[in-house]
Amino acid sequence: MIIGSCEVTFYANWVASLKEKRMVVRSLVDKTKHKFNVSVAEVDCQDNHKTIVIGFACVTNEKRLADSMIQNILHFMEQNTEAEMISAEIEVF
């Protein structure tokens, strides 16, 4: 069993409140869950309205498939939000 996980940090300069941030996060999390069937959640910086940290994880039987899935999810996230992707910490084990 291979587990792939990633913690992605976005910066949303235009977000003015935590309520607005929640709408952005909820939309991105729901779209990602629906398209890829992976576990996704906001994992850090819940009190900072301009920084979004989302974590996701997948389980596969091949390392190559986990790497490919993570890259596809990162690309999808980047295309489906106006926030700027600052970093992505990937672990496959």
N, C-alpha and C. Protein backbone atom coordinates (compact mmCIF):
# COMPACT_ATOMS: atom_id res chain seq x y z
N MET A 1 0.85 -1.18 0.00
CA MET A 1 0.00 0.00 0.00
C MET A 1 0.90 1.24 0.00
N ILE A 2 0.62 2.15 -0.91
CA ILE A 2 1.36 3.40 -1.04
C ILE A 2 0.44 4.56 -0.67
N ILE A 3 0.92 5.44 0.20
CA ILE A 3 0.13 6.60 0.63
C ILE A 3 0.83 7.86 0.12
N GLY A 4 0.08 8.68 -0.59
CA GLY A 4 0.60 9.94 -1.06
C GLY A 4 -0.12 11.07 -0.35
N SER A 5 0.62 12.04 0.14
CA SER A 5 -0.01 13.18 0.80
C SER A 5 0.66 14.46 0.34
N CYS A 6 -0.09 15.54 0.45
CA CYS A 6 0.43 16.83 0.02
C CYS A 6 -0.21 17.93 0.85
N GLU A 7 0.58 18.92 1.21
CA GLU A 7 0.10 20.11 1.89
C GLU A 7 0.39 21.30 0.98
N VAL A 8 -0.67 21.95 0.51
CA VAL A 8 -0.55 23.03 -0.47
C VAL A 8 -0.90 24.36 0.21
N THR A 9 -0.07 25.36 -0.02
CA THR A 9 -0.31 26.69 0.54
C THR A 9 -0.62 27.66 -0.60
N PHE A 10 -1.73 28.35 -0.45
CA PHE A 10 -2.15 29.37 -1.41
C PHE A 10 -2.18 30.72 -0.72
N TYR A 11 -1.99 31.78 -1.51
CA TYR A 11 -2.14 33.14 -1.00
C TYR A 11 -3.22 33.84 -1.81
N ALA A 12 -4.27 34.30 -1.11
CA ALA A 12 -5.40 34.95 -1.75
C ALA A 12 -5.41 36.42 -1.35
N ASN A 13 -4.78 37.24 -2.16
CA ASN A 13 -4.61 38.66 -1.86
C ASN A 13 -5.93 39.42 -1.77
N TRP A 14 -6.91 39.04 -2.56
CA TRP A 14 -8.18 39.77 -2.64
C TRP A 14 -9.15 39.45 -1.51
N VAL A 15 -8.93 38.38 -0.76
CA VAL A 15 -9.86 37.97 0.28
C VAL A 15 -9.83 38.97 1.43
N ALA A 16 -11.02 39.44 1.83
CA ALA A 16 -11.10 40.50 2.84
C ALA A 16 -11.59 40.02 4.20
N SER A 17 -12.12 38.78 4.27
CA SER A 17 -12.65 38.30 5.54
C SER A 17 -12.54 36.78 5.62
N LEU A 18 -12.70 36.26 6.82
CA LEU A 18 -12.68 34.81 7.01
C LEU A 18 -13.87 34.15 6.33
N LYS A 19 -14.99 34.86 6.29
CA LYS A 19 -16.19 34.34 5.63
C LYS A 19 -15.93 34.15 4.13
N GLU A 20 -15.30 35.13 3.52
CA GLU A 20 -14.97 35.03 2.10
C GLU A 20 -13.95 33.91 1.85
N LYS A 21 -12.99 33.77 2.76
CA LYS A 21 -12.00 32.70 2.65
C LYS A 21 -12.67 31.34 2.73
N ARG A 22 -13.61 31.18 3.66
CA ARG A 22 -14.32 29.90 3.80
C ARG A 22 -15.03 29.51 2.51
N MET A 23 -15.60 30.48 1.81
CA MET A 23 -16.27 30.20 0.54
C MET A 23 -15.27 29.69 -0.50
N VAL A 24 -14.10 30.30 -0.56
CA VAL A 24 -13.05 29.88 -1.50
C VAL A 24 -12.58 28.47 -1.15
N VAL A 25 -12.29 28.24 0.12
CA VAL A 25 -11.80 26.94 0.58
C VAL A 25 -12.84 25.85 0.33
N ARG A 26 -14.08 26.10 0.72
CA ARG A 26 -15.15 25.11 0.57
C ARG A 26 -15.31 24.73 -0.90
N SER A 27 -15.29 25.72 -1.79
CA SER A 27 -15.43 25.45 -3.21
C SER A 27 -14.29 24.57 -3.72
N LEU A 28 -13.06 24.92 -3.38
CA LEU A 28 -11.91 24.17 -3.85
C LEU A 28 -11.88 22.75 -3.27
N VAL A 29 -12.18 22.61 -2.00
CA VAL A 29 -12.20 21.29 -1.35
C VAL A 29 -13.28 20.41 -1.96
N ASP A 30 -14.48 20.96 -2.13
CA ASP A 30 -15.59 20.16 -2.69
C ASP A 30 -15.31 19.73 -4.12
N LYS A 31 -14.79 20.64 -4.95
CA LYS A 31 -14.48 20.29 -6.34
C LYS A 31 -13.42 19.19 -6.40
N THR A 32 -12.40 19.30 -5.55
CA THR A 32 -11.31 18.32 -5.55
C THR A 32 -11.81 16.95 -5.08
N LYS A 33 -12.60 16.93 -4.01
CA LYS A 33 -13.16 15.67 -3.52
C LYS A 33 -14.00 14.99 -4.59
N HIS A 34 -14.84 15.78 -5.25
CA HIS A 34 -15.76 15.24 -6.24
C HIS A 34 -15.00 14.68 -7.46
N LYS A 35 -13.99 15.39 -7.93
CA LYS A 35 -13.29 14.97 -9.14
C LYS A 35 -12.33 13.80 -8.90
N PHE A 36 -11.63 13.80 -7.76
CA PHE A 36 -10.56 12.82 -7.55
C PHE A 36 -10.85 11.77 -6.48
N ASN A 37 -11.90 11.92 -5.70
CA ASN A 37 -12.24 10.97 -4.64
C ASN A 37 -11.06 10.76 -3.68
N VAL A 38 -10.51 11.86 -3.17
CA VAL A 38 -9.42 11.82 -2.19
C VAL A 38 -9.88 12.55 -0.92
N SER A 39 -9.15 12.34 0.15
CA SER A 39 -9.41 13.06 1.39
C SER A 39 -8.79 14.45 1.29
N VAL A 40 -9.59 15.49 1.51
CA VAL A 40 -9.12 16.88 1.37
C VAL A 40 -9.67 17.69 2.52
N ALA A 41 -8.84 18.56 3.10
CA ALA A 41 -9.31 19.43 4.19
C ALA A 41 -8.38 20.63 4.33
N GLU A 42 -8.92 21.71 4.89
CA GLU A 42 -8.08 22.84 5.28
C GLU A 42 -7.36 22.42 6.55
N VAL A 43 -6.03 22.50 6.55
CA VAL A 43 -5.26 21.92 7.66
C VAL A 43 -4.49 22.91 8.51
N ASP A 44 -4.40 24.17 8.09
CA ASP A 44 -3.62 25.14 8.86
C ASP A 44 -4.06 26.55 8.49
N CYS A 45 -3.66 27.52 9.30
CA CYS A 45 -3.91 28.95 9.06
C CYS A 45 -5.40 29.29 8.95
N GLN A 46 -6.24 28.64 9.75
CA GLN A 46 -7.66 28.93 9.68
C GLN A 46 -8.00 30.35 10.12
N ASP A 47 -7.15 30.99 10.92
CA ASP A 47 -7.42 32.33 11.42
C ASP A 47 -6.83 33.44 10.55
N ASN A 48 -6.07 33.08 9.54
CA ASN A 48 -5.48 34.07 8.65
C ASN A 48 -6.30 34.10 7.36
N HIS A 49 -6.94 35.21 7.07
CA HIS A 49 -7.88 35.24 5.95
C HIS A 49 -7.23 35.31 4.57
N LYS A 50 -5.96 35.54 4.46
CA LYS A 50 -5.31 35.59 3.16
C LYS A 50 -4.51 34.33 2.81
N THR A 51 -4.21 33.51 3.79
CA THR A 51 -3.44 32.29 3.58
C THR A 51 -4.35 31.07 3.68
N ILE A 52 -4.26 30.20 2.68
CA ILE A 52 -5.07 28.98 2.63
C ILE A 52 -4.11 27.79 2.59
N VAL A 53 -4.25 26.87 3.53
CA VAL A 53 -3.43 25.66 3.55
C VAL A 53 -4.36 24.46 3.46
N ILE A 54 -4.25 23.72 2.39
CA ILE A 54 -5.11 22.56 2.15
C ILE A 54 -4.24 21.32 2.07
N GLY A 55 -4.67 20.27 2.75
CA GLY A 55 -3.98 18.99 2.69
C GLY A 55 -4.85 17.96 2.02
N PHE A 56 -4.22 17.04 1.31
CA PHE A 56 -4.98 15.93 0.73
C PHE A 56 -4.13 14.67 0.74
N ALA A 57 -4.80 13.52 0.68
CA ALA A 57 -4.10 12.24 0.72
C ALA A 57 -4.81 11.24 -0.18
N CYS A 58 -4.00 10.34 -0.76
CA CYS A 58 -4.55 9.28 -1.60
C CYS A 58 -3.83 7.97 -1.26
N VAL A 59 -4.50 6.87 -1.55
CA VAL A 59 -3.93 5.54 -1.32
C VAL A 59 -3.97 4.79 -2.63
N THR A 60 -2.83 4.22 -3.04
CA THR A 60 -2.74 3.46 -4.29
C THR A 60 -1.88 2.23 -4.05
N ASN A 61 -1.66 1.50 -5.13
CA ASN A 61 -0.79 0.33 -5.01
C ASN A 61 0.56 0.53 -5.69
N GLU A 62 0.78 1.71 -6.33
CA GLU A 62 2.05 1.99 -6.99
C GLU A 62 2.51 3.41 -6.70
N LYS A 63 3.80 3.58 -6.47
CA LYS A 63 4.36 4.91 -6.19
C LYS A 63 4.16 5.85 -7.38
N ARG A 64 4.36 5.33 -8.57
CA ARG A 64 4.21 6.13 -9.79
C ARG A 64 2.79 6.69 -9.91
N LEU A 65 1.81 5.88 -9.57
CA LEU A 65 0.41 6.31 -9.64
C LEU A 65 0.12 7.39 -8.59
N ALA A 66 0.68 7.22 -7.40
CA ALA A 66 0.50 8.24 -6.35
C ALA A 66 1.12 9.57 -6.77
N ASP A 67 2.33 9.54 -7.34
CA ASP A 67 2.98 10.76 -7.83
C ASP A 67 2.14 11.43 -8.92
N SER A 68 1.66 10.64 -9.83
CA SER A 68 0.85 11.17 -10.94
C SER A 68 -0.45 11.78 -10.42
N MET A 69 -1.08 11.10 -9.49
CA MET A 69 -2.34 11.60 -8.92
C MET A 69 -2.12 12.93 -8.20
N ILE A 70 -1.06 13.03 -7.42
CA ILE A 70 -0.76 14.26 -6.69
C ILE A 70 -0.52 15.41 -7.67
N GLN A 71 0.25 15.16 -8.72
CA GLN A 71 0.52 16.21 -9.70
C GLN A 71 -0.76 16.65 -10.42
N ASN A 72 -1.63 15.70 -10.74
CA ASN A 72 -2.91 16.03 -11.38
C ASN A 72 -3.79 16.87 -10.45
N ILE A 73 -3.81 16.53 -9.18
CA ILE A 73 -4.61 17.29 -8.20
C ILE A 73 -4.05 18.70 -8.04
N LEU A 74 -2.73 18.83 -7.96
CA LEU A 74 -2.11 20.16 -7.84
C LEU A 74 -2.44 21.02 -9.05
N HIS A 75 -2.36 20.44 -10.23
CA HIS A 75 -2.70 21.18 -11.45
C HIS A 75 -4.17 21.60 -11.43
N PHE A 76 -5.04 20.69 -11.03
CA PHE A 76 -6.48 20.99 -10.95
C PHE A 76 -6.74 22.12 -9.97
N MET A 77 -6.12 22.06 -8.79
CA MET A 77 -6.32 23.10 -7.78
C MET A 77 -5.85 24.46 -8.30
N GLU A 78 -4.71 24.46 -8.95
CA GLU A 78 -4.15 25.71 -9.47
C GLU A 78 -5.08 26.33 -10.52
N GLN A 79 -5.72 25.47 -11.32
CA GLN A 79 -6.61 25.96 -12.37
C GLN A 79 -7.98 26.39 -11.85
N ASN A 80 -8.37 25.94 -10.65
CA ASN A 80 -9.71 26.18 -10.15
C ASN A 80 -9.80 27.18 -9.02
N THR A 81 -8.77 27.98 -8.84
CA THR A 81 -8.84 29.07 -7.87
C THR A 81 -8.00 30.23 -8.37
N GLU A 82 -8.37 31.42 -7.96
CA GLU A 82 -7.60 32.60 -8.34
C GLU A 82 -6.43 32.84 -7.38
N ALA A 83 -6.40 32.08 -6.28
CA ALA A 83 -5.32 32.23 -5.32
C ALA A 83 -4.00 31.72 -5.92
N GLU A 84 -2.91 32.33 -5.49
CA GLU A 84 -1.59 31.96 -5.99
C GLU A 84 -1.02 30.81 -5.15
N MET A 85 -0.58 29.75 -5.82
CA MET A 85 0.03 28.63 -5.12
C MET A 85 1.45 29.02 -4.71
N ILE A 86 1.70 29.01 -3.40
CA ILE A 86 3.00 29.40 -2.87
C ILE A 86 3.92 28.19 -2.73
N SER A 87 3.38 27.10 -2.18
CA SER A 87 4.22 25.92 -1.97
C SER A 87 3.37 24.65 -1.95
N ALA A 88 4.03 23.53 -2.18
CA ALA A 88 3.39 22.22 -2.09
C ALA A 88 4.41 21.25 -1.52
N GLU A 89 4.11 20.69 -0.35
CA GLU A 89 4.99 19.71 0.28
C GLU A 89 4.40 18.32 0.04
N ILE A 90 5.12 17.51 -0.72
CA ILE A 90 4.63 16.20 -1.14
C ILE A 90 5.39 15.10 -0.40
N GLU A 91 4.64 14.10 0.06
CA GLU A 91 5.23 12.91 0.69
C GLU A 91 4.56 11.68 0.09
N VAL A 92 5.37 10.71 -0.32
CA VAL A 92 4.85 9.43 -0.80
C VAL A 92 5.60 8.36 -0.04
N PHE A 93 4.85 7.53 0.67
CA PHE A 93 5.47 6.45 1.45
C PHE A 93 4.61 5.23 1.48
